[in-house]
């Protein structure tokens, strides 16, 4: 249910067409909730049929002209309901961490290179977030709305900082491993994942 609520949020901030929403998702909202062009248009149709949004009347009706949408009172009420309900945090499920765990069993071939690639990607994302922070949240821009938006951006900055630090630490560990696939501990039949022969 999160994508329709992301769209309601964006439309309450500024009535927009589907194309404009797609661009806004690419530039900002997509940093914490991504969606494709097709997904956004599909959700716009559903939100309109449920009475949460409506297409704004066009000043000059024309075939193929893009429709802009605004949120109706029912849509605002639904968004307020959704923000007020309790939700459980999602457990961390990251394929890279699972692959690293698997490499302890089958060997580390190729994974160090991918760790370096991930580090580069996270460093670039961190730099992009920091540029957004510098551009959009200068000192003194501290209305309640700005502070909440900045808080979301800070989550992205802190998360990317964590990954860049952790990946740097992981690569430091790889410098001290020196183990090839032939050095992987042999699993004891019937033992748990932590029980291996020395």
Protein backbone atom coordinates (compact mmCIF):
# COMPACT_ATOMS: atom_id res chain seq x y z
CA UNK A 1 0.00 0.00 0.00
CA UNK A 2 2.96 2.40 0.20
CA UNK A 3 3.07 3.57 -3.44
CA UNK A 4 -0.44 5.08 -3.44
CA UNK A 5 0.38 6.88 -0.20
CA UNK A 6 3.62 8.21 -1.72
CA UNK A 7 1.57 9.52 -4.65
CA UNK A 8 -1.00 11.12 -2.33
CA UNK A 9 1.85 12.82 -0.46
CA UNK A 10 3.36 14.16 -3.67
CA UNK A 11 0.01 15.43 -4.95
CA UNK A 12 -0.77 17.18 -1.66
CA UNK A 13 2.57 18.94 -1.92
CA UNK A 14 1.78 19.95 -5.50
CA UNK A 15 -0.96 18.90 -7.96
CA UNK A 16 0.81 17.17 -10.84
CA UNK A 17 0.37 15.15 -14.01
CA UNK A 18 1.53 11.56 -14.26
CA UNK A 19 4.62 12.68 -16.16
CA UNK A 20 5.45 15.32 -13.55
CA UNK A 21 5.01 12.73 -10.79
CA UNK A 22 7.39 10.38 -12.60
CA UNK A 23 10.01 13.14 -12.77
CA UNK A 24 9.53 13.95 -9.08
CA UNK A 25 9.94 10.27 -8.19
CA UNK A 26 13.15 10.21 -10.23
CA UNK A 27 14.51 13.35 -8.54
CA UNK A 28 13.44 13.02 -4.92
CA UNK A 29 10.74 10.59 -3.80
CA UNK A 30 12.49 7.73 -5.58
CA UNK A 31 15.41 8.05 -3.19
CA UNK A 32 13.28 6.31 -0.55
CA UNK A 33 10.41 4.80 -2.58
CA UNK A 34 10.94 4.00 -6.26
CA UNK A 35 8.26 3.44 -8.88
CA UNK A 36 8.13 3.06 -12.63
CA UNK A 37 6.19 5.28 -15.02
CA UNK A 38 3.65 2.46 -15.58
CA UNK A 39 3.18 1.84 -11.83
CA UNK A 40 2.49 5.52 -11.19
CA UNK A 41 -0.10 5.77 -13.98
CA UNK A 42 -1.79 2.56 -12.80
CA UNK A 43 -2.03 3.88 -9.24
CA UNK A 44 -3.36 7.25 -10.43
CA UNK A 45 -6.24 5.45 -12.15
CA UNK A 46 -6.96 3.38 -9.05
CA UNK A 47 -6.79 6.38 -6.71
CA UNK A 48 -9.16 8.30 -8.99
CA UNK A 49 -11.65 5.41 -9.14
CA UNK A 50 -11.61 5.16 -5.34
CA UNK A 51 -12.41 8.86 -4.97
CA UNK A 52 -9.08 9.83 -3.42
CA UNK A 53 -7.96 12.13 -6.25
CA UNK A 54 -9.52 13.87 -9.24
CA UNK A 55 -8.26 15.16 -12.55
CA UNK A 56 -8.17 18.94 -12.64
CA UNK A 57 -10.35 20.52 -15.33
CA UNK A 58 -8.31 21.56 -18.33
CA UNK A 59 -8.45 25.16 -19.51
CA UNK A 60 -7.97 24.10 -23.10
CA UNK A 61 -9.27 20.55 -23.67
CA UNK A 62 -7.20 18.84 -26.27
CA UNK A 63 -6.74 15.27 -27.33
CA UNK A 64 -3.69 13.70 -25.74
CA UNK A 65 -3.21 16.56 -23.28
CA UNK A 66 -1.72 15.42 -19.97
CA UNK A 67 -4.10 15.45 -17.01
CA UNK A 68 -3.09 16.96 -13.69
CA UNK A 69 -4.45 15.53 -10.46
CA UNK A 70 -5.26 16.90 -7.03
CA UNK A 71 -6.12 15.14 -3.78
CA UNK A 72 -9.73 15.10 -2.58
CA UNK A 73 -10.72 15.22 1.13
CA UNK A 74 -11.10 11.43 1.18
CA UNK A 75 -7.52 11.09 -0.07
CA UNK A 76 -6.18 13.42 2.61
CA UNK A 77 -8.13 11.47 5.25
CA UNK A 78 -6.68 8.18 3.98
CA UNK A 79 -3.14 9.56 4.07
CA UNK A 80 -3.66 10.88 7.61
CA UNK A 81 -5.04 7.48 8.68
CA UNK A 82 -2.06 5.68 7.15
CA UNK A 83 0.54 7.92 8.79
CA UNK A 84 -1.09 7.44 12.21
CA UNK A 85 -1.19 3.63 12.30
CA UNK A 86 1.63 1.59 13.82
CA UNK A 87 3.85 -0.49 11.52
CA UNK A 88 6.56 -2.99 12.39
CA UNK A 89 10.12 -2.30 11.17
CA UNK A 90 11.22 -4.48 8.28
CA UNK A 91 14.03 -6.95 8.97
CA UNK A 92 17.22 -6.42 6.99
CA UNK A 93 17.30 -8.70 3.94
CA UNK A 94 20.30 -7.94 1.76
CA UNK A 95 21.56 -10.29 -0.94
CA UNK A 96 25.13 -9.04 -0.56
CA UNK A 97 25.20 -10.08 3.10
CA UNK A 98 23.82 -13.50 2.22
CA UNK A 99 26.43 -13.91 -0.53
CA UNK A 100 29.17 -12.96 1.92
CA UNK A 101 27.89 -15.57 4.37
CA UNK A 102 27.81 -18.15 1.56
CA UNK A 103 31.40 -17.30 0.62
CA UNK A 104 32.47 -18.61 4.02
CA UNK A 105 31.30 -22.02 2.78
CA UNK A 106 32.21 -22.06 -0.92
CA UNK A 107 35.04 -19.53 -1.18
CA UNK A 108 35.40 -15.85 -1.88
CA UNK A 109 36.10 -15.81 -5.63
CA UNK A 110 34.66 -12.65 -7.20
CA UNK A 111 33.04 -11.21 -4.11
CA UNK A 112 35.84 -8.79 -3.21
CA UNK A 113 35.50 -7.15 -6.62
CA UNK A 114 31.78 -6.77 -6.08
CA UNK A 115 32.34 -5.30 -2.62
CA UNK A 116 34.51 -2.62 -4.25
CA UNK A 117 31.79 -1.95 -6.83
CA UNK A 118 29.17 -1.60 -4.09
CA UNK A 119 31.45 0.75 -2.16
CA UNK A 120 31.80 2.98 -5.21
CA UNK A 121 28.02 3.03 -5.76
CA UNK A 122 27.31 3.91 -2.11
CA UNK A 123 29.99 6.61 -2.09
CA UNK A 124 28.42 8.20 -5.17
CA UNK A 125 24.94 8.02 -3.65
CA UNK A 126 26.23 9.58 -0.42
CA UNK A 127 27.80 12.43 -2.39
CA UNK A 128 24.52 13.01 -4.23
CA UNK A 129 22.54 13.14 -0.97
CA UNK A 130 25.05 15.57 0.54
CA UNK A 131 24.73 17.83 -2.51
CA UNK A 132 20.93 17.78 -2.14
CA UNK A 133 21.31 18.67 1.53
CA UNK A 134 23.58 21.60 0.69
CA UNK A 135 21.24 22.82 -2.05
CA UNK A 136 17.82 22.29 -0.46
CA UNK A 137 18.46 22.71 3.27
CA UNK A 138 20.73 25.70 3.89
CA UNK A 139 21.05 27.08 7.44
CA UNK A 140 17.87 28.83 8.53
CA UNK A 141 15.51 26.71 6.42
CA UNK A 142 13.75 25.17 9.39
CA UNK A 143 9.97 25.30 9.06
CA UNK A 144 8.28 22.16 10.45
CA UNK A 145 7.74 20.91 6.89
CA UNK A 146 11.38 21.52 5.97
CA UNK A 147 12.62 19.82 9.12
CA UNK A 148 10.58 16.69 8.38
CA UNK A 149 11.75 16.57 4.75
CA UNK A 150 15.32 17.06 5.90
CA UNK A 151 14.86 14.22 8.39
CA UNK A 152 14.01 11.86 5.52
CA UNK A 153 17.12 12.99 3.65
CA UNK A 154 19.22 12.51 6.80
CA UNK A 155 18.02 8.89 6.90
CA UNK A 156 19.44 8.42 3.40
CA UNK A 157 22.71 10.12 4.33
CA UNK A 158 23.08 8.05 7.50
CA UNK A 159 22.27 4.81 5.68
CA UNK A 160 24.79 5.50 2.90
CA UNK A 161 27.37 6.49 5.53
CA UNK A 162 26.79 3.15 7.26
CA UNK A 163 27.26 1.20 4.01
CA UNK A 164 30.40 3.06 2.96
CA UNK A 165 31.93 2.52 6.40
CA UNK A 166 30.90 -1.14 6.57
CA UNK A 167 32.11 -1.91 3.04
CA UNK A 168 35.44 -0.21 3.76
CA UNK A 169 35.75 -2.36 6.88
CA UNK A 170 34.83 -5.49 4.90
CA UNK A 171 37.51 -4.75 2.30
CA UNK A 172 40.06 -4.23 5.09
CA UNK A 173 39.12 -7.69 6.37
CA UNK A 174 39.65 -9.18 2.91
CA UNK A 175 43.23 -7.89 2.93
CA UNK A 176 43.87 -10.13 5.96
CA UNK A 177 41.94 -13.22 4.83
CA UNK A 178 44.29 -14.70 2.27
CA UNK A 179 41.97 -17.66 1.89
CA UNK A 180 41.10 -19.28 -1.40
CA UNK A 181 38.32 -21.82 -1.97
CA UNK A 182 40.68 -24.62 -0.89
CA UNK A 183 41.01 -23.01 2.54
CA UNK A 184 37.28 -22.97 3.28
CA UNK A 185 36.41 -24.91 6.48
CA UNK A 186 34.75 -28.24 5.91
CA UNK A 187 31.22 -28.45 7.25
CA UNK A 188 30.42 -31.19 9.74
CA UNK A 189 27.51 -33.33 8.47
CA UNK A 190 24.37 -32.58 10.46
CA UNK A 191 25.96 -29.64 12.26
CA UNK A 192 24.59 -26.13 12.49
CA UNK A 193 25.98 -23.29 10.36
CA UNK A 194 28.42 -22.25 13.08
CA UNK A 195 29.85 -25.74 13.62
CA UNK A 196 32.81 -26.30 11.29
CA UNK A 197 36.04 -28.24 11.58
CA UNK A 198 39.14 -26.23 12.26
